């Protein structure tokens, strides 16, 4: 009975957090919903000590998995520090990256602190990535060759591989299944491009896709389902189902089509900050948030 009660209490809270550690990015994705435009300079001023304080708060709150995202997290000078501290607290760690800065040297130095590395791969076609802005400086896109090489590097360092695909007008008619079957990630997540006021709404008329077209794209990925875990998130599934922290160490939610922010976790503590935003463990569960990580 006590064990059941403990499990019930555990399941009542979201046990994973996405920490958008760094606001800046070296790519120019037009559909990006994590620009943190007004936060970029301030995110650099938060400093590694406050970032570590956020991680300590997460550990005390019972967070089991922490995902470092951006912007581009590999631009953050203290990414290695937060990874080490997260592992020291016993958390499963994940880094979400566009892959442009991932090298054998960086992987060798940090592999022991990284459980998962998630590559953002929207298209194997360089022309598509150039058009969407998924390109270094907006001019140097990655393509199938680079993504194959990155996947091989990650596996050589015994890091679990995940792939994130954001589906927008630029790639919705494509079929990336051949490349993904070569790379064969352990987990594949497919997102419908999400409109967020102040982030990508100024150009969303050129980016948005219907649920019908999104579903057709997802069906092309059916061959992957025999080899890896495929998770599909349309706009409804993505809303209110994530526990997210911005570069300033504040919780933020995407309900209502815009971001709303709490006071900084490092300033007021986890529980107080969390009480200021909306999240749903039921939505987290329904989109497949609980899995064997």
Protein backbone atom coordinates (compact mmCIF):
# COMPACT_ATOMS: atom_id res chain seq x y z
CA UNK A 1 0.00 0.00 0.00
CA UNK A 2 2.78 2.45 0.93
CA UNK A 3 4.59 1.61 -2.29
CA UNK A 4 1.40 2.30 -4.30
CA UNK A 5 0.89 5.61 -2.50
CA UNK A 6 4.49 6.62 -3.19
CA UNK A 7 4.09 5.74 -6.87
CA UNK A 8 0.82 7.67 -7.05
CA UNK A 9 2.47 10.75 -5.58
CA UNK A 10 5.36 10.41 -8.00
CA UNK A 11 3.01 10.16 -10.99
CA UNK A 12 1.20 13.32 -9.90
CA UNK A 13 4.11 15.51 -11.01
CA UNK A 14 6.02 15.89 -14.25
CA UNK A 15 9.41 14.24 -13.61
CA UNK A 16 11.25 15.76 -16.59
CA UNK A 17 12.23 19.33 -17.43
CA UNK A 18 13.47 21.04 -20.58
CA UNK A 19 16.03 23.67 -19.61
CA UNK A 20 16.57 26.14 -22.46
CA UNK A 21 19.97 27.00 -21.15
CA UNK A 22 21.09 29.40 -23.88
CA UNK A 23 18.95 31.79 -25.90
CA UNK A 24 21.27 32.41 -28.84
CA UNK A 25 21.62 30.08 -31.82
CA UNK A 26 23.98 29.82 -34.77
CA UNK A 27 21.14 28.85 -37.11
CA UNK A 28 18.22 30.95 -38.32
CA UNK A 29 15.23 28.60 -38.40
CA UNK A 30 12.24 30.67 -39.46
CA UNK A 31 9.82 28.44 -37.55
CA UNK A 32 11.76 28.57 -34.25
CA UNK A 33 9.52 28.91 -31.18
CA UNK A 34 12.42 29.27 -28.73
CA UNK A 35 14.08 32.50 -29.86
CA UNK A 36 13.93 34.28 -26.49
CA UNK A 37 14.61 37.48 -28.41
CA UNK A 38 14.43 39.81 -25.45
CA UNK A 39 16.29 37.35 -23.24
CA UNK A 40 19.48 36.77 -25.23
CA UNK A 41 21.75 39.30 -23.57
CA UNK A 42 20.24 38.65 -20.17
CA UNK A 43 20.62 34.87 -20.59
CA UNK A 44 24.38 35.33 -20.83
CA UNK A 45 24.35 37.40 -17.66
CA UNK A 46 22.54 34.79 -15.56
CA UNK A 47 25.84 32.92 -15.19
CA UNK A 48 26.77 29.36 -14.47
CA UNK A 49 26.25 29.62 -10.70
CA UNK A 50 22.56 30.45 -11.08
CA UNK A 51 22.23 27.71 -13.70
CA UNK A 52 23.67 25.24 -11.20
CA UNK A 53 21.24 26.55 -8.58
CA UNK A 54 18.34 25.76 -10.94
CA UNK A 55 19.66 22.22 -11.36
CA UNK A 56 19.97 21.77 -7.61
CA UNK A 57 16.36 22.92 -7.22
CA UNK A 58 15.30 20.46 -9.92
CA UNK A 59 17.01 17.62 -8.09
CA UNK A 60 15.35 18.51 -4.78
CA UNK A 61 11.99 18.59 -6.58
CA UNK A 62 12.48 15.01 -7.77
CA UNK A 63 13.23 15.69 -11.43
CA UNK A 64 14.56 12.47 -12.96
CA UNK A 65 15.43 13.70 -16.47
CA UNK A 66 16.80 17.07 -17.57
CA UNK A 67 17.04 18.11 -21.20
CA UNK A 68 19.30 20.98 -22.17
CA UNK A 69 18.08 22.90 -25.18
CA UNK A 70 18.40 26.38 -26.64
CA UNK A 71 18.81 28.29 -28.85
CA UNK A 72 21.83 26.09 -29.37
CA UNK A 73 23.08 24.72 -26.02
CA UNK A 74 26.58 23.93 -27.31
CA UNK A 75 27.16 27.70 -27.51
CA UNK A 76 26.82 27.90 -23.72
CA UNK A 77 30.26 28.12 -22.05
CA UNK A 78 29.07 26.22 -18.98
CA UNK A 79 27.16 23.39 -20.67
CA UNK A 80 29.79 20.87 -19.49
CA UNK A 81 29.42 22.13 -15.91
CA UNK A 82 25.65 21.75 -15.82
CA UNK A 83 25.88 18.29 -17.40
CA UNK A 84 28.37 17.16 -14.73
CA UNK A 85 26.24 18.51 -11.91
CA UNK A 86 23.07 16.96 -13.30
CA UNK A 87 24.75 13.55 -13.43
CA UNK A 88 26.11 14.06 -9.93
CA UNK A 89 22.49 14.52 -8.78
CA UNK A 90 21.59 11.25 -10.50
CA UNK A 91 19.47 12.73 -13.28
CA UNK A 92 19.23 11.35 -16.81
CA UNK A 93 20.66 13.98 -19.15
CA UNK A 94 19.79 14.90 -22.72
CA UNK A 95 21.18 17.59 -25.03
CA UNK A 96 19.11 18.85 -27.97
CA UNK A 97 21.34 20.25 -30.70
CA UNK A 98 21.30 21.21 -34.36
CA UNK A 99 24.52 19.19 -34.65
CA UNK A 100 26.70 21.87 -36.23
CA UNK A 101 29.05 22.09 -33.23
CA UNK A 102 29.18 18.41 -32.29
CA UNK A 103 32.71 17.06 -32.72
CA UNK A 104 34.50 13.88 -31.70
CA UNK A 105 36.55 15.94 -29.26
CA UNK A 106 33.47 17.47 -27.60
CA UNK A 107 31.80 14.08 -27.39
CA UNK A 108 34.93 12.51 -25.94
CA UNK A 109 35.15 15.17 -23.24
CA UNK A 110 31.47 15.02 -22.28
CA UNK A 111 30.09 11.58 -23.20
CA UNK A 112 30.25 10.30 -19.63
CA UNK A 113 27.80 13.03 -18.60
CA UNK A 114 25.35 12.64 -21.51
CA UNK A 115 22.76 9.87 -21.64
CA UNK A 116 20.92 11.08 -24.73
CA UNK A 117 21.78 13.38 -27.60
CA UNK A 118 18.84 14.62 -29.67
CA UNK A 119 19.60 15.79 -33.20
CA UNK A 120 17.22 18.25 -34.82
CA UNK A 121 16.84 16.91 -38.37
CA UNK A 122 13.99 18.46 -40.33
CA UNK A 123 15.12 17.41 -43.78
CA UNK A 124 17.94 15.47 -45.47
CA UNK A 125 17.79 18.00 -48.33
CA UNK A 126 20.20 20.92 -47.99
CA UNK A 127 18.05 23.17 -50.21
CA UNK A 128 15.08 22.65 -47.89
CA UNK A 129 17.17 23.43 -44.82
CA UNK A 130 18.54 26.56 -46.48
CA UNK A 131 15.03 27.75 -47.32
CA UNK A 132 13.77 27.15 -43.78
CA UNK A 133 16.80 28.80 -42.21
CA UNK A 134 18.10 25.62 -40.58
CA UNK A 135 21.59 26.60 -41.62
CA UNK A 136 24.63 27.99 -39.83
CA UNK A 137 24.42 31.76 -40.11
CA UNK A 138 21.38 31.16 -42.28
CA UNK A 139 23.66 30.21 -45.20
CA UNK A 140 25.34 26.84 -44.45
CA UNK A 141 22.80 24.02 -44.12
CA UNK A 142 23.53 20.46 -43.07
CA UNK A 143 22.38 17.56 -45.21
CA UNK A 144 22.15 13.78 -45.28
CA UNK A 145 25.93 13.23 -45.33
CA UNK A 146 26.51 15.36 -42.25
CA UNK A 147 23.63 13.76 -40.36
CA UNK A 148 24.90 10.24 -41.09
CA UNK A 149 28.33 11.25 -39.82
CA UNK A 150 26.90 12.82 -36.67
CA UNK A 151 24.83 9.74 -35.85
CA UNK A 152 27.91 7.53 -36.25
CA UNK A 153 29.96 9.77 -33.94
CA UNK A 154 27.28 9.73 -31.27
CA UNK A 155 27.05 5.94 -31.36
CA UNK A 156 30.84 5.57 -31.14
CA UNK A 157 30.66 7.38 -27.82
CA UNK A 158 27.84 5.12 -26.52
CA UNK A 159 25.31 7.92 -26.25
CA UNK A 160 21.65 7.12 -26.91
CA UNK A 161 20.35 8.83 -30.06
CA UNK A 162 17.09 10.67 -30.50
CA UNK A 163 15.95 12.64 -33.55
CA UNK A 164 13.53 15.59 -33.50
CA UNK A 165 11.73 16.56 -36.71
CA UNK A 166 9.77 19.81 -36.94
CA UNK A 167 7.29 19.69 -39.81
CA UNK A 168 6.49 22.98 -41.54
CA UNK A 169 5.58 24.17 -45.01
CA UNK A 170 9.20 23.70 -46.05
CA UNK A 171 9.40 19.93 -45.54
CA UNK A 172 5.80 18.72 -45.25
CA UNK A 173 5.80 17.17 -48.73
CA UNK A 174 9.08 15.30 -48.18
CA UNK A 175 9.78 11.74 -47.03
CA UNK A 176 12.82 11.54 -44.73
CA UNK A 177 12.23 7.89 -43.84
CA UNK A 178 15.19 6.56 -45.89
CA UNK A 179 17.71 8.73 -44.02
CA UNK A 180 16.06 8.03 -40.67
CA UNK A 181 16.17 4.27 -41.33
CA UNK A 182 19.92 4.62 -41.93
CA UNK A 183 20.46 6.68 -38.80
CA UNK A 184 17.93 4.62 -36.84
CA UNK A 185 17.48 6.68 -33.68
CA UNK A 186 16.22 4.94 -30.57
CA UNK A 187 13.48 7.56 -30.29
CA UNK A 188 11.97 9.75 -33.02
CA UNK A 189 9.80 12.73 -32.19
CA UNK A 190 7.77 14.49 -34.89
CA UNK A 191 6.38 17.98 -34.16
CA UNK A 192 3.82 20.01 -36.04
CA UNK A 193 5.25 23.53 -36.27
CA UNK A 194 3.75 25.50 -33.37
CA UNK A 195 2.77 29.19 -33.55
CA UNK A 196 3.90 31.24 -30.53
CA UNK A 197 3.24 34.97 -30.26
CA UNK A 198 6.48 36.94 -30.13
CA UNK A 199 8.56 34.00 -31.32
CA UNK A 200 7.48 33.00 -34.84
CA UNK A 201 4.04 34.55 -35.33
CA UNK A 202 5.41 37.32 -37.59
CA UNK A 203 6.06 34.77 -40.35
CA UNK A 204 3.76 31.90 -39.41
CA UNK A 205 1.44 32.48 -42.35
CA UNK A 206 4.29 31.15 -44.51
CA UNK A 207 5.10 28.26 -42.17
CA UNK A 208 1.91 26.69 -40.86
CA UNK A 209 0.51 23.38 -42.09
CA UNK A 210 -2.85 21.70 -41.74
CA UNK A 211 -3.33 18.69 -39.50
CA UNK A 212 -4.22 16.75 -42.66
CA UNK A 213 -0.83 17.45 -44.25
CA UNK A 214 0.94 16.80 -40.97
CA UNK A 215 -0.79 13.42 -40.68
CA UNK A 216 0.22 12.53 -44.24
CA UNK A 217 3.86 13.32 -43.39
CA UNK A 218 3.67 11.15 -40.29
CA UNK A 219 2.28 8.21 -42.30
CA UNK A 220 5.39 8.25 -44.47
CA UNK A 221 7.38 7.44 -41.34
CA UNK A 222 5.46 4.22 -40.65
CA UNK A 223 8.46 2.03 -41.67
CA UNK A 224 10.34 3.46 -38.67
CA UNK A 225 7.80 2.12 -36.19
CA UNK A 226 9.22 -1.40 -36.48
CA UNK A 227 12.67 -0.21 -35.42
CA UNK A 228 12.32 2.74 -33.04
CA UNK A 229 9.86 4.55 -30.82
CA UNK A 230 7.96 7.13 -32.88
CA UNK A 231 6.21 9.91 -30.94
CA UNK A 232 3.95 12.34 -32.79
CA UNK A 233 3.00 15.72 -31.36
CA UNK A 234 0.54 18.02 -33.07
CA UNK A 235 -0.12 21.52 -31.74
CA UNK A 236 -2.65 20.31 -29.18
CA UNK A 237 -0.29 17.69 -27.76
CA UNK A 238 2.54 20.21 -27.44
CA UNK A 239 0.51 22.77 -25.51
CA UNK A 240 0.70 22.72 -21.72
CA UNK A 241 2.41 19.33 -21.63
CA UNK A 242 6.02 20.37 -21.03
CA UNK A 243 7.87 21.58 -17.95
CA UNK A 244 10.16 24.25 -19.40
CA UNK A 245 12.74 26.70 -18.04
CA UNK A 246 14.05 29.66 -20.03
CA UNK A 247 17.64 31.03 -20.18
CA UNK A 248 16.97 33.26 -17.18
CA UNK A 249 15.98 30.29 -15.04
CA UNK A 250 12.24 31.00 -15.17
CA UNK A 251 9.49 28.47 -15.82
CA UNK A 252 7.49 29.30 -18.91
CA UNK A 253 4.31 27.84 -20.38
CA UNK A 254 2.91 27.95 -23.92
CA UNK A 255 -0.79 27.87 -23.12
CA UNK A 256 -2.82 30.50 -24.94
CA UNK A 257 -0.39 30.68 -27.86
CA UNK A 258 2.16 32.85 -26.06
CA UNK A 259 4.78 32.39 -23.39
CA UNK A 260 4.07 33.26 -19.79
CA UNK A 261 6.95 33.34 -17.31
CA UNK A 262 7.42 32.73 -13.60
CA UNK A 263 9.89 34.40 -11.30
CA UNK A 264 13.36 32.79 -11.50
CA UNK A 265 13.66 29.35 -9.92
CA UNK A 266 17.07 30.28 -8.46
CA UNK A 267 15.45 33.26 -6.74
CA UNK A 268 12.15 31.97 -5.31
CA UNK A 269 12.60 28.20 -5.35
CA UNK A 270 11.06 25.44 -7.44
CA UNK A 271 7.60 25.18 -5.86
CA UNK A 272 6.89 28.92 -5.82
CA UNK A 273 8.04 29.42 -9.40
CA UNK A 274 6.13 26.36 -10.61
CA UNK A 275 2.91 27.62 -9.04
CA UNK A 276 3.01 30.64 -11.35
CA UNK A 277 2.64 28.74 -14.64
CA UNK A 278 0.32 26.11 -16.12
CA UNK A 279 1.38 22.53 -16.78
CA UNK A 280 -0.53 19.26 -16.97
CA UNK A 281 0.85 15.89 -15.97
CA UNK A 282 -2.11 14.29 -17.78
CA UNK A 283 -1.06 15.99 -21.03
CA UNK A 284 2.55 15.02 -20.37
CA UNK A 285 1.46 11.41 -19.98
CA UNK A 286 -0.83 11.41 -23.01
CA UNK A 287 1.92 12.62 -25.35
CA UNK A 288 4.23 9.80 -24.22
CA UNK A 289 6.31 11.79 -21.74
CA UNK A 290 6.76 8.74 -19.52
CA UNK A 291 9.14 6.28 -21.19
CA UNK A 292 12.20 4.24 -20.38
CA UNK A 293 14.85 6.91 -20.38
